[in-house]
Protein backbone atom coordinates (compact mmCIF):
# COMPACT_ATOMS: atom_id res chain seq x y z
CA MET A 1 127.02 11.70 60.11
CA ALA A 2 126.37 15.42 59.63
CA THR A 3 124.43 17.19 56.96
CA THR A 4 124.57 20.81 56.03
CA LYS A 5 121.88 22.75 54.28
CA ILE A 6 122.82 25.98 52.48
CA ILE A 7 120.11 28.36 51.39
CA LEU A 8 121.11 31.00 48.88
CA SER A 9 118.79 33.95 48.50
CA GLY A 10 118.86 37.59 47.59
CA PRO A 11 119.39 39.66 44.46
CA LEU A 12 122.55 37.84 43.37
CA PHE A 13 120.74 34.51 43.29
CA ASP A 14 117.21 35.38 42.20
CA GLY A 15 118.23 37.27 39.03
CA GLU A 16 117.33 40.72 40.35
CA ALA A 17 120.97 41.88 40.37
CA GLU A 18 121.42 40.82 36.76
CA GLU A 19 118.23 42.63 35.74
CA ALA A 20 119.39 45.78 37.56
CA ALA A 21 122.79 45.63 35.86
CA GLU A 22 121.13 45.33 32.45
CA ALA A 23 118.78 48.24 33.24
CA PHE A 24 121.80 50.30 34.33
CA LEU A 25 123.55 49.65 31.00
CA ARG A 26 120.39 50.37 28.99
CA GLU A 27 120.24 53.78 30.66
CA LEU A 28 123.97 54.56 30.68
CA VAL A 29 125.09 53.60 27.16
CA PRO A 30 122.64 55.71 25.11
CA GLU A 31 123.22 58.76 27.33
CA VAL A 32 127.01 58.51 27.03
CA ALA A 33 126.71 58.01 23.26
CA GLU A 34 124.49 61.09 22.93
CA VAL A 35 126.94 63.17 24.96
CA GLY A 36 129.79 62.02 22.70
CA ARG A 37 127.82 62.90 19.58
CA ASP A 38 126.99 66.32 21.00
CA TRP A 39 130.64 66.98 21.91
CA ILE A 40 131.68 66.18 18.35
CA LYS A 41 129.02 68.48 16.95
CA LEU A 42 130.20 71.27 19.25
CA GLU A 43 133.80 70.72 18.12
CA THR A 44 132.72 71.30 14.52
CA LEU A 45 132.08 74.93 15.41
CA LYS A 46 135.85 75.27 15.91
CA MET A 47 136.64 73.89 12.45
CA ASP A 48 137.58 77.18 10.94
CA ARG A 49 141.01 77.20 9.31
CA SER A 50 139.87 79.93 6.91
CA HIS A 51 138.85 82.33 9.72
CA ARG A 52 135.50 82.92 8.00
CA GLY A 53 133.36 81.15 10.58
CA GLY A 54 132.03 77.60 10.56
CA THR A 55 129.04 76.71 8.41
CA GLY A 56 127.76 73.89 10.62
CA ARG A 57 127.54 71.55 7.65
CA SER A 58 130.03 69.07 9.08
CA ALA A 59 127.88 68.76 12.22
CA GLU A 60 125.04 67.52 10.02
CA GLY A 61 127.20 64.56 9.02
CA VAL A 62 127.63 63.27 12.59
CA ARG A 63 125.37 60.28 13.12
CA LEU A 64 124.47 58.20 16.16
CA THR A 65 123.20 54.71 15.37
CA GLY A 66 122.47 51.71 17.51
CA ALA A 67 120.17 50.34 20.14
CA GLY A 68 120.26 48.73 23.55
CA THR A 69 123.86 48.73 24.76
CA SER A 70 125.64 49.14 21.41
CA TYR A 71 125.94 52.54 19.74
CA THR A 72 128.21 54.00 17.08
CA ILE A 73 129.02 57.64 16.43
CA SER A 74 130.14 58.17 12.86
CA GLY A 75 130.70 60.86 10.28
CA GLY A 76 129.82 60.47 6.66
CA LEU A 77 130.15 62.50 3.52
CA ARG A 78 127.99 64.76 1.43
CA LYS A 79 129.54 65.88 -1.83
CA GLY A 80 130.45 69.54 -1.77
CA GLU A 81 129.53 69.97 1.89
CA TYR A 82 131.57 67.68 4.16
CA PHE A 83 133.81 64.63 4.01
CA TRP A 84 134.44 63.32 7.52
CA PRO A 85 137.36 61.01 6.72
CA TRP A 86 139.27 64.05 5.44
CA LEU A 87 138.14 66.27 8.33
CA GLU A 88 139.26 63.57 10.77
CA GLY A 89 142.59 63.12 8.96
CA THR A 90 142.12 59.48 7.98
CA SER A 91 141.68 59.63 4.20
CA ARG A 92 144.31 59.25 1.46
CA ARG A 93 143.47 62.80 0.42
CA ASN A 94 145.08 64.04 3.66
CA GLU A 95 148.43 62.71 2.49
CA SER A 96 148.32 64.72 -0.72
CA THR A 97 146.99 67.96 0.82
CA GLY A 98 149.13 67.92 3.95
CA PHE A 99 146.08 68.62 6.13
CA LYS A 100 146.49 66.49 9.27
CA GLY A 101 142.81 66.62 10.22
CA TYR A 102 141.04 67.87 13.29
CA LYS A 103 141.07 64.45 15.04
CA THR A 104 137.68 65.27 16.54
CA PHE A 105 136.49 61.69 16.96
CA ARG A 106 139.79 60.54 18.46
CA ARG A 107 139.95 63.42 20.94
CA THR A 108 136.32 62.90 21.91
CA ARG A 109 136.90 59.18 22.49
CA LEU A 110 139.75 59.98 24.89
CA ARG A 111 137.70 62.64 26.66
CA MET A 112 134.78 60.22 27.05
CA ARG A 113 137.06 57.57 28.56
CA LYS A 114 138.14 60.07 31.21
CA GLN A 115 134.69 61.43 32.06
CA ALA A 116 132.23 58.58 31.47
CA GLY A 117 133.41 56.69 34.55
CA GLU A 118 132.41 59.50 36.89
CA TYR A 119 128.98 59.73 35.29
CA ALA A 120 128.55 55.95 35.46
CA GLU A 121 129.39 55.93 39.17
CA ARG A 122 126.75 58.56 39.91
CA LEU A 123 124.15 56.64 37.90
CA LEU A 124 125.15 53.31 39.45
CA ALA A 125 124.34 54.54 42.95
CA GLY A 126 120.64 54.26 42.13
CA TYR A 127 121.01 50.64 41.00
CA LEU A 128 123.30 49.27 43.71
CA GLU A 129 120.59 48.58 46.24
CA ARG A 130 118.67 46.53 43.67
CA MET A 131 121.89 44.59 43.05
CA GLY A 132 122.30 43.80 46.74
CA GLY A 133 124.94 46.40 47.48
CA GLU A 134 125.15 49.68 49.27
CA ALA A 135 125.22 53.18 47.82
CA LEU A 136 128.67 54.60 47.19
């Protein structure tokens, strides 16, 4: 008769890797969300179909809400100043006016998908050792 004893130890088994992964996400997600919000606000400076210069009012309507690892970037409305659904091109009013919208949120989402991975990889390097891996 033979018996085998297996001892599992290290960050994957003592919970340290899971804690490091959660810390990584708590740092990554808010930073990426803030960058997305800032990109949208910068894009509002280009919203100038009248060639008179942007007022910056639509940037005031861009909101970042959330906590932990869940954030939302949204645009609202303020009567007489901005109406983000129309600016984005998603309201019924766009159908009647023919204005297709700036598609700022959609373009920013695509841009973030392309660039967030590179940023995440750089940030992850600092957490890999805690997770039991090696730096990239």
